[in-house]
Amino acid sequence: MYIGLGIALLVIGAVLSFAIGADAFEGINLEMIGYIFMAGGVLAILLSLVMRDRGPRGYTERRVTNRDPRTGDQYDEVHVDRDR
């Protein structure tokens, strides 16, 4: 999710910094706003790469019902595997 946001911010920042003339709007420094957008884009991409493996954690369980062949009693086994 953050990679797409980061790329969009980089593109918008580059357009504001390099493609639009500095005199397009008086009193607003579009070049600086573009640099800020590009820095936010780089930060979003870096965060997405760092946080990639930090998803929800938990466990999975598998229930198995068995029957004792000698007595005929039924018992349940629960196998629990931790997710990463």
N, C-alpha and C. Protein backbone atom coordinates (compact mmCIF):
# COMPACT_ATOMS: atom_id res chain seq x y z
N MET A 1 0.82 -1.19 0.00
CA MET A 1 0.00 0.00 0.00
C MET A 1 0.87 1.25 0.00
N TYR A 2 1.89 1.27 0.83
CA TYR A 2 2.73 2.45 0.94
C TYR A 2 3.62 2.64 -0.28
N ILE A 3 3.91 1.57 -1.00
CA ILE A 3 4.76 1.73 -2.18
C ILE A 3 4.03 2.57 -3.23
N GLY A 4 2.77 2.29 -3.44
CA GLY A 4 2.00 3.08 -4.41
C GLY A 4 1.87 4.53 -3.99
N LEU A 5 1.64 4.76 -2.71
CA LEU A 5 1.57 6.12 -2.19
C LEU A 5 2.92 6.83 -2.35
N GLY A 6 3.99 6.11 -2.06
CA GLY A 6 5.33 6.69 -2.19
C GLY A 6 5.66 7.08 -3.62
N ILE A 7 5.30 6.21 -4.56
CA ILE A 7 5.56 6.52 -5.97
C ILE A 7 4.72 7.71 -6.41
N ALA A 8 3.47 7.76 -5.98
CA ALA A 8 2.61 8.89 -6.34
C ALA A 8 3.17 10.20 -5.78
N LEU A 9 3.62 10.17 -4.52
CA LEU A 9 4.20 11.38 -3.95
C LEU A 9 5.48 11.79 -4.66
N LEU A 10 6.29 10.82 -5.06
CA LEU A 10 7.51 11.15 -5.80
C LEU A 10 7.19 11.82 -7.14
N VAL A 11 6.20 11.28 -7.84
CA VAL A 11 5.84 11.84 -9.15
C VAL A 11 5.25 13.24 -8.99
N ILE A 12 4.34 13.40 -8.05
CA ILE A 12 3.75 14.73 -7.83
C ILE A 12 4.82 15.74 -7.41
N GLY A 13 5.71 15.31 -6.53
CA GLY A 13 6.79 16.19 -6.09
C GLY A 13 7.72 16.58 -7.22
N ALA A 14 8.04 15.62 -8.09
CA ALA A 14 8.92 15.93 -9.23
C ALA A 14 8.24 16.90 -10.19
N VAL A 15 6.96 16.73 -10.41
CA VAL A 15 6.24 17.65 -11.30
C VAL A 15 6.22 19.05 -10.69
N LEU A 16 5.95 19.14 -9.40
CA LEU A 16 5.92 20.45 -8.76
C LEU A 16 7.30 21.10 -8.74
N SER A 17 8.34 20.31 -8.54
CA SER A 17 9.69 20.87 -8.43
C SER A 17 10.30 21.24 -9.77
N PHE A 18 10.10 20.39 -10.78
CA PHE A 18 10.85 20.56 -12.01
C PHE A 18 10.03 20.99 -13.22
N ALA A 19 8.75 20.70 -13.25
CA ALA A 19 7.97 20.95 -14.46
C ALA A 19 7.18 22.26 -14.41
N ILE A 20 6.72 22.64 -13.25
CA ILE A 20 5.91 23.86 -13.15
C ILE A 20 6.84 25.03 -12.86
N GLY A 21 6.64 26.11 -13.56
CA GLY A 21 7.49 27.29 -13.37
C GLY A 21 7.31 27.89 -11.99
N ALA A 22 8.36 28.51 -11.51
CA ALA A 22 8.33 29.08 -10.16
C ALA A 22 7.37 30.26 -10.06
N ASP A 23 7.05 30.88 -11.17
CA ASP A 23 6.17 32.04 -11.13
C ASP A 23 4.71 31.68 -11.42
N ALA A 24 4.35 30.40 -11.31
CA ALA A 24 2.98 29.99 -11.60
C ALA A 24 2.01 30.53 -10.55
N PHE A 25 2.40 30.52 -9.29
CA PHE A 25 1.57 31.05 -8.22
C PHE A 25 2.43 31.99 -7.38
N GLU A 26 1.93 33.18 -7.17
CA GLU A 26 2.69 34.13 -6.36
C GLU A 26 2.55 33.80 -4.88
N GLY A 27 3.64 33.88 -4.16
CA GLY A 27 3.62 33.66 -2.72
C GLY A 27 3.71 32.20 -2.30
N ILE A 28 3.69 31.28 -3.26
CA ILE A 28 3.79 29.86 -2.92
C ILE A 28 5.04 29.31 -3.60
N ASN A 29 5.92 28.72 -2.83
CA ASN A 29 7.13 28.14 -3.37
C ASN A 29 6.86 26.68 -3.76
N LEU A 30 6.47 26.47 -5.01
CA LEU A 30 6.11 25.14 -5.47
C LEU A 30 7.30 24.20 -5.51
N GLU A 31 8.48 24.75 -5.70
CA GLU A 31 9.68 23.91 -5.72
C GLU A 31 9.90 23.27 -4.35
N MET A 32 9.74 24.05 -3.28
CA MET A 32 9.92 23.50 -1.93
C MET A 32 8.81 22.49 -1.60
N ILE A 33 7.59 22.77 -2.00
CA ILE A 33 6.50 21.83 -1.78
C ILE A 33 6.78 20.52 -2.52
N GLY A 34 7.32 20.62 -3.71
CA GLY A 34 7.68 19.43 -4.47
C GLY A 34 8.75 18.62 -3.77
N TYR A 35 9.75 19.28 -3.22
CA TYR A 35 10.80 18.56 -2.48
C TYR A 35 10.22 17.88 -1.24
N ILE A 36 9.29 18.55 -0.58
CA ILE A 36 8.65 17.94 0.60
C ILE A 36 7.85 16.70 0.19
N PHE A 37 7.12 16.78 -0.92
CA PHE A 37 6.38 15.62 -1.41
C PHE A 37 7.33 14.47 -1.76
N MET A 38 8.45 14.79 -2.40
CA MET A 38 9.40 13.74 -2.77
C MET A 38 10.01 13.10 -1.52
N ALA A 39 10.29 13.89 -0.50
CA ALA A 39 10.82 13.32 0.75
C ALA A 39 9.77 12.42 1.41
N GLY A 40 8.52 12.83 1.38
CA GLY A 40 7.45 11.98 1.91
C GLY A 40 7.30 10.70 1.10
N GLY A 41 7.49 10.76 -0.20
CA GLY A 41 7.43 9.56 -1.04
C GLY A 41 8.54 8.58 -0.72
N VAL A 42 9.75 9.11 -0.54
CA VAL A 42 10.88 8.25 -0.18
C VAL A 42 10.63 7.61 1.18
N LEU A 43 10.13 8.39 2.12
CA LEU A 43 9.84 7.87 3.46
C LEU A 43 8.77 6.78 3.41
N ALA A 44 7.73 6.97 2.60
CA ALA A 44 6.67 5.97 2.48
C ALA A 44 7.21 4.67 1.87
N ILE A 45 8.08 4.78 0.88
CA ILE A 45 8.65 3.58 0.27
C ILE A 45 9.56 2.86 1.25
N LEU A 46 10.38 3.61 1.97
CA LEU A 46 11.27 2.97 2.96
C LEU A 46 10.47 2.29 4.07
N LEU A 47 9.42 2.94 4.55
CA LEU A 47 8.58 2.33 5.58
C LEU A 47 7.90 1.06 5.07
N SER A 48 7.49 1.06 3.82
CA SER A 48 6.84 -0.14 3.28
C SER A 48 7.83 -1.29 3.19
N LEU A 49 9.08 -1.01 2.89
CA LEU A 49 10.08 -2.08 2.83
C LEU A 49 10.46 -2.58 4.21
N VAL A 50 10.52 -1.68 5.19
CA VAL A 50 10.89 -2.08 6.55
C VAL A 50 9.75 -2.85 7.22
N MET A 51 8.52 -2.42 7.01
CA MET A 51 7.38 -3.01 7.70
C MET A 51 6.74 -4.17 6.93
N ARG A 52 7.38 -4.66 5.89
CA ARG A 52 6.79 -5.68 5.03
C ARG A 52 6.45 -6.95 5.80
N ASP A 53 7.32 -7.44 6.66
CA ASP A 53 7.09 -8.71 7.35
C ASP A 53 6.37 -8.55 8.67
N ARG A 54 5.85 -7.40 8.96
CA ARG A 54 5.19 -7.18 10.24
C ARG A 54 3.68 -7.22 10.08
N GLY A 55 3.18 -8.36 9.70
CA GLY A 55 1.74 -8.52 9.56
C GLY A 55 1.14 -9.05 10.85
N PRO A 56 -0.12 -9.34 10.81
CA PRO A 56 -0.75 -9.90 12.00
C PRO A 56 -0.15 -11.26 12.34
N ARG A 57 0.05 -11.48 13.60
CA ARG A 57 0.64 -12.73 14.05
C ARG A 57 -0.40 -13.49 14.87
N GLY A 58 -0.23 -14.78 14.93
CA GLY A 58 -1.17 -15.58 15.70
C GLY A 58 -0.77 -17.03 15.64
N TYR A 59 -1.76 -17.87 15.55
CA TYR A 59 -1.49 -19.30 15.50
C TYR A 59 -2.55 -19.98 14.66
N THR A 60 -2.21 -21.17 14.21
CA THR A 60 -3.17 -22.02 13.55
C THR A 60 -3.26 -23.31 14.34
N GLU A 61 -4.44 -23.83 14.38
CA GLU A 61 -4.60 -25.08 15.11
C GLU A 61 -5.27 -26.11 14.22
N ARG A 62 -4.94 -27.35 14.48
CA ARG A 62 -5.50 -28.46 13.73
C ARG A 62 -6.01 -29.47 14.75
N ARG A 63 -7.28 -29.77 14.66
CA ARG A 63 -7.89 -30.71 15.60
C ARG A 63 -8.07 -32.06 14.90
N VAL A 64 -7.64 -33.09 15.61
CA VAL A 64 -7.75 -34.44 15.08
C VAL A 64 -8.49 -35.29 16.11
N THR A 65 -9.51 -35.97 15.66
CA THR A 65 -10.26 -36.87 16.54
C THR A 65 -9.82 -38.31 16.25
N ASN A 66 -9.38 -39.00 17.28
CA ASN A 66 -8.91 -40.39 17.15
C ASN A 66 -9.74 -41.31 18.04
N ARG A 67 -9.67 -42.59 17.73
CA ARG A 67 -10.34 -43.60 18.53
C ARG A 67 -9.31 -44.64 18.93
N ASP A 68 -9.28 -44.95 20.22
CA ASP A 68 -8.34 -45.95 20.73
C ASP A 68 -8.78 -47.32 20.23
N PRO A 69 -7.89 -48.05 19.54
CA PRO A 69 -8.31 -49.32 18.96
C PRO A 69 -8.60 -50.40 20.01
N ARG A 70 -7.99 -50.34 21.18
CA ARG A 70 -8.23 -51.37 22.20
C ARG A 70 -9.53 -51.14 22.96
N THR A 71 -9.74 -49.88 23.37
CA THR A 71 -10.91 -49.62 24.22
C THR A 71 -12.08 -49.03 23.46
N GLY A 72 -11.81 -48.44 22.31
CA GLY A 72 -12.87 -47.80 21.55
C GLY A 72 -13.19 -46.39 22.02
N ASP A 73 -12.40 -45.88 22.99
CA ASP A 73 -12.63 -44.52 23.48
C ASP A 73 -12.18 -43.50 22.44
N GLN A 74 -12.92 -42.43 22.39
CA GLN A 74 -12.60 -41.36 21.45
C GLN A 74 -11.87 -40.25 22.19
N TYR A 75 -10.83 -39.70 21.57
CA TYR A 75 -10.11 -38.58 22.17
C TYR A 75 -9.70 -37.61 21.07
N ASP A 76 -9.54 -36.37 21.46
CA ASP A 76 -9.18 -35.32 20.51
C ASP A 76 -7.75 -34.88 20.74
N GLU A 77 -7.04 -34.62 19.64
CA GLU A 77 -5.71 -34.02 19.71
C GLU A 77 -5.77 -32.64 19.07
N VAL A 78 -5.09 -31.72 19.66
CA VAL A 78 -5.02 -30.36 19.10
C VAL A 78 -3.56 -30.04 18.84
N HIS A 79 -3.23 -29.79 17.58
CA HIS A 79 -1.88 -29.41 17.18
C HIS A 79 -1.87 -27.91 16.92
N VAL A 80 -1.03 -27.19 17.63
CA VAL A 80 -0.97 -25.72 17.51
C VAL A 80 0.37 -25.34 16.89
N ASP A 81 0.31 -24.58 15.79
CA ASP A 81 1.50 -24.08 15.11
C ASP A 81 1.48 -22.56 15.19
N ARG A 82 2.56 -21.99 15.69
CA ARG A 82 2.66 -20.53 15.73
C ARG A 82 2.94 -20.00 14.35
N ASP A 83 2.24 -18.94 13.98
CA ASP A 83 2.52 -18.26 12.72
C ASP A 83 3.69 -17.33 12.94
N ARG A 84 4.73 -17.54 12.23
CA ARG A 84 5.93 -16.68 12.25
C ARG A 84 6.00 -15.95 13.53
